[in-house]
C-alpha atoms as a PDB file:
ATOM      1  CA  MET A   1      88.977 141.833  70.424  1.00  0.00           C
ATOM      2  CA  ARG A   2      91.031 139.100  72.054  1.00  0.00           C
ATOM      3  CA  HIS A   3      91.740 135.887  70.108  1.00  0.00           C
ATOM      4  CA  ILE A   4      91.597 132.622  72.091  1.00  0.00           C
ATOM      5  CA  ILE A   5      92.257 129.040  70.946  1.00  0.00           C
ATOM      6  CA  LEU A   6      89.944 126.578  72.728  1.00  0.00           C
ATOM      7  CA  HIS A   7      91.047 122.952  72.617  1.00  0.00           C
ATOM      8  CA  HIS A   8      88.120 120.667  73.437  1.00  0.00           C
ATOM      9  CA  HIS A   9      90.190 117.813  74.881  1.00  0.00           C
ATOM     10  CA  ILE A  10      88.408 114.504  74.241  1.00  0.00           C
ATOM     11  CA  PHE A  11      89.688 111.527  76.245  1.00  0.00           C
ATOM     12  CA  LYS A  12      92.114 109.264  74.315  1.00  0.00           C
ATOM     13  CA  ASN A  13      92.151 111.414  71.161  1.00  0.00           C
ATOM     14  CA  ALA A  14      95.767 112.635  71.174  1.00  0.00           C
ATOM     15  CA  GLY A  15      94.832 115.544  73.441  1.00  0.00           C
ATOM     16  CA  MET A  16      97.954 115.309  75.601  1.00  0.00           C
ATOM     17  CA  THR A  17     100.085 115.599  72.470  1.00  0.00           C
ATOM     18  CA  LEU A  18      98.122 118.681  71.411  1.00  0.00           C
ATOM     19  CA  ASP A  19      98.401 120.169  74.902  1.00  0.00           C
ATOM     20  CA  PHE A  20     102.168 119.608  74.783  1.00  0.00           C
ATOM     21  CA  SER A  21     102.338 121.370  71.417  1.00  0.00           C
ATOM     22  CA  LEU A  22     100.212 124.288  72.613  1.00  0.00           C
ATOM     23  CA  LYS A  23     102.332 124.638  75.763  1.00  0.00           C
ATOM     24  CA  ARG A  24     105.494 124.579  73.680  1.00  0.00           C
ATOM     25  CA  GLN A  25     104.109 127.208  71.297  1.00  0.00           C
ATOM     26  CA  PHE A  26     102.454 129.538  73.814  1.00  0.00           C
ATOM     27  CA  GLY A  27     104.386 128.899  77.052  1.00  0.00           C
ATOM     28  CA  ASP A  28     102.715 130.723  79.947  1.00  0.00           C
ATOM     29  CA  ALA A  29     100.002 131.950  77.571  1.00  0.00           C
ATOM     30  CA  PHE A  30      98.623 128.364  77.505  1.00  0.00           C
ATOM     31  CA  ALA A  31      96.311 127.098  80.249  1.00  0.00           C
ATOM     32  CA  ASN A  32      94.298 124.039  81.260  1.00  0.00           C
ATOM     33  CA  ILE A  33      90.922 124.627  82.884  1.00  0.00           C
ATOM     34  CA  HIS A  34      89.174 121.868  84.773  1.00  0.00           C
ATOM     35  CA  ASP A  35      85.938 121.849  86.710  1.00  0.00           C
ATOM     36  CA  ASP A  36      85.960 119.860  89.924  1.00  0.00           C
ATOM     37  CA  THR A  37      82.267 120.362  90.634  1.00  0.00           C
ATOM     38  CA  SER A  38      79.768 117.542  90.370  1.00  0.00           C
ATOM     39  CA  ASP A  39      78.560 118.454  86.861  1.00  0.00           C
ATOM     40  CA  GLY A  40      82.111 118.503  85.473  1.00  0.00           C
ATOM     41  CA  MET A  41      81.517 121.290  82.939  1.00  0.00           C
ATOM     42  CA  VAL A  42      83.317 124.578  82.384  1.00  0.00           C
ATOM     43  CA  ASP A  43      80.432 127.007  82.010  1.00  0.00           C
ATOM     44  CA  GLU A  44      80.494 130.532  80.562  1.00  0.00           C
ATOM     45  CA  ILE A  45      81.009 132.209  83.916  1.00  0.00           C
ATOM     46  CA  MET A  46      83.978 130.014  84.749  1.00  0.00           C
ATOM     47  CA  LEU A  47      85.671 130.488  81.356  1.00  0.00           C
ATOM     48  CA  PHE A  48      85.158 134.250  81.109  1.00  0.00           C
ATOM     49  CA  ASP A  49      86.172 134.849  84.729  1.00  0.00           C
ATOM     50  CA  TYR A  50      89.353 132.849  84.088  1.00  0.00           C
ATOM     51  CA  LEU A  51      90.137 134.755  80.881  1.00  0.00           C
ATOM     52  CA  ASP A  52      89.443 138.111  82.560  1.00  0.00           C
ATOM     53  CA  ARG A  53      91.837 137.221  85.408  1.00  0.00           C
ATOM     54  CA  HIS A  54      94.522 135.974  82.976  1.00  0.00           C
ATOM     55  CA  PRO A  55      94.766 138.578  80.182  1.00  0.00           C
ATOM     56  CA  ASP A  56      97.914 137.007  78.682  1.00  0.00           C
ATOM     57  CA  VAL A  57      96.319 133.599  78.006  1.00  0.00           C
ATOM     58  CA  LYS A  58      95.931 132.851  74.295  1.00  0.00           C
ATOM     59  CA  ALA A  59      95.157 129.113  74.275  1.00  0.00           C
ATOM     60  CA  VAL A  60      93.066 127.031  76.677  1.00  0.00           C
ATOM     61  CA  SER A  61      92.520 123.280  76.851  1.00  0.00           C
ATOM     62  CA  SER A  62      89.932 121.384  78.865  1.00  0.00           C
ATOM     63  CA  HIS A  63      88.180 118.036  79.090  1.00  0.00           C
ATOM     64  CA  HIS A  64      85.219 119.997  80.433  1.00  0.00           C
ATOM     65  CA  PHE A  65      84.166 122.316  77.591  1.00  0.00           C
ATOM     66  CA  HIS A  66      81.470 119.839  76.447  1.00  0.00           C
ATOM     67  CA  GLY A  67      81.201 121.402  72.986  1.00  0.00           C
ATOM     68  CA  GLN A  68      79.710 124.662  74.255  1.00  0.00           C
ATOM     69  CA  ASP A  69      79.474 127.745  72.045  1.00  0.00           C
ATOM     70  CA  TYR A  70      81.010 130.398  74.280  1.00  0.00           C
ATOM     71  CA  ALA A  71      81.026 132.977  71.468  1.00  0.00           C
ATOM     72  CA  SER A  72      77.224 133.195  71.562  1.00  0.00           C
ATOM     73  CA  SER A  73      77.356 134.582  75.104  1.00  0.00           C
ATOM     74  CA  ARG A  74      77.035 138.335  75.616  1.00  0.00           C
ATOM     75  CA  ARG A  75      80.392 138.286  77.423  1.00  0.00           C
ATOM     76  CA  GLY A  76      81.839 136.313  74.511  1.00  0.00           C
ATOM     77  CA  ARG A  77      81.643 139.322  72.207  1.00  0.00           C
ATOM     78  CA  ARG A  78      84.964 140.532  73.599  1.00  0.00           C
ATOM     79  CA  TYR A  79      86.645 137.362  72.339  1.00  0.00           C
ATOM     80  CA  ARG A  80      87.087 135.572  69.063  1.00  0.00           C
ATOM     81  CA  PHE A  81      87.301 131.851  69.747  1.00  0.00           C
ATOM     82  CA  PHE A  82      89.002 129.286  67.550  1.00  0.00           C
ATOM     83  CA  ASP A  83      87.541 125.972  68.729  1.00  0.00           C
ATOM     84  CA  PHE A  84      89.044 122.635  67.822  1.00  0.00           C
ATOM     85  CA  ALA A  85      89.005 119.013  68.888  1.00  0.00           C
ATOM     86  CA  MET A  86      90.732 115.944  67.558  1.00  0.00           C
ATOM     87  CA  VAL A  87      88.672 112.827  66.933  1.00  0.00           C
ATOM     88  CA  ARG A  88      90.392 109.519  66.260  1.00  0.00           C
ATOM     89  CA  ARG A  89      89.011 106.594  64.345  1.00  0.00           C
ATOM     90  CA  PRO A  90      86.399 105.004  66.642  1.00  0.00           C
ATOM     91  CA  LEU A  91      87.883 101.488  66.779  1.00  0.00           C
ATOM     92  CA  ALA A  92      91.414 102.739  67.392  1.00  0.00           C
ATOM     93  CA  ARG A  93      90.080 105.002  70.135  1.00  0.00           C
ATOM     94  CA  PHE A  94      88.115 102.154  71.731  1.00  0.00           C
ATOM     95  CA  LEU A  95      91.205  99.916  71.740  1.00  0.00           C
ATOM     96  CA  SER A  96      93.306 102.732  73.236  1.00  0.00           C
ATOM     97  CA  ILE A  97      90.746 103.259  76.035  1.00  0.00           C
ATOM     98  CA  TYR A  98      90.623  99.511  76.703  1.00  0.00           C
ATOM     99  CA  LYS A  99      94.432  99.263  76.967  1.00  0.00           C
ATOM    100  CA  PHE A 100      94.563 102.357  79.164  1.00  0.00           C
ATOM    101  CA  LEU A 101      91.959 100.924  81.543  1.00  0.00           C
ATOM    102  CA  ARG A 102      93.724  97.526  81.716  1.00  0.00           C
ATOM    103  CA  ARG A 103      96.941  99.279  82.840  1.00  0.00           C
ATOM    104  CA  SER A 104      95.129 101.506  85.315  1.00  0.00           C
ATOM    105  CA  GLU A 105      95.779 101.172  89.049  1.00  0.00           C
ATOM    106  CA  SER A 106      92.360 102.711  89.689  1.00  0.00           C
ATOM    107  CA  ALA A 107      89.465 100.904  91.358  1.00  0.00           C
ATOM    108  CA  ASP A 108      87.199 102.434  88.732  1.00  0.00           C
ATOM    109  CA  PRO A 109      84.421 100.012  87.661  1.00  0.00           C
ATOM    110  CA  LEU A 110      85.385 100.346  83.982  1.00  0.00           C
ATOM    111  CA  ALA A 111      89.033  99.584  84.786  1.00  0.00           C
ATOM    112  CA  ASN A 112      87.948  96.502  86.739  1.00  0.00           C
ATOM    113  CA  LEU A 113      85.744  95.383  83.840  1.00  0.00           C
ATOM    114  CA  ALA A 114      88.564  95.863  81.311  1.00  0.00           C
ATOM    115  CA  LYS A 115      90.929  93.825  83.485  1.00  0.00           C
ATOM    116  CA  SER A 116      88.415  90.993  83.848  1.00  0.00           C
ATOM    117  CA  LEU A 117      87.586  90.746  80.128  1.00  0.00           C
ATOM    118  CA  GLY A 118      89.839  90.056  77.197  1.00  0.00           C
ATOM    119  CA  PRO A 119      89.241  91.400  73.714  1.00  0.00           C
ATOM    120  CA  GLN A 120      86.563  89.304  72.082  1.00  0.00           C
END
């Protein structure tokens, strides 16, 4: 059985710091998986195909896991997953998102809204 750490990377919850730590610990055995399709979710097929093609990977991080239970899959029986996610205090997270969007160069509607409004 292969042991895999799955980091469910939640936006503005210290995920980049955790990714840095995982990369430092595991080196090339750490990977980020992202789904560029319209639904934006790493499904079972995508995860297991990736792990099968990369037998040395021991830790995976993604914004696109969406809290799925990959271990319940038939293919998941070959793996033992250690899932984790960091969750910050809600108000601190909200303020961090707001500051991030105000600094953003993006034309994203939320970034535009953050730039047009001050904290109330």
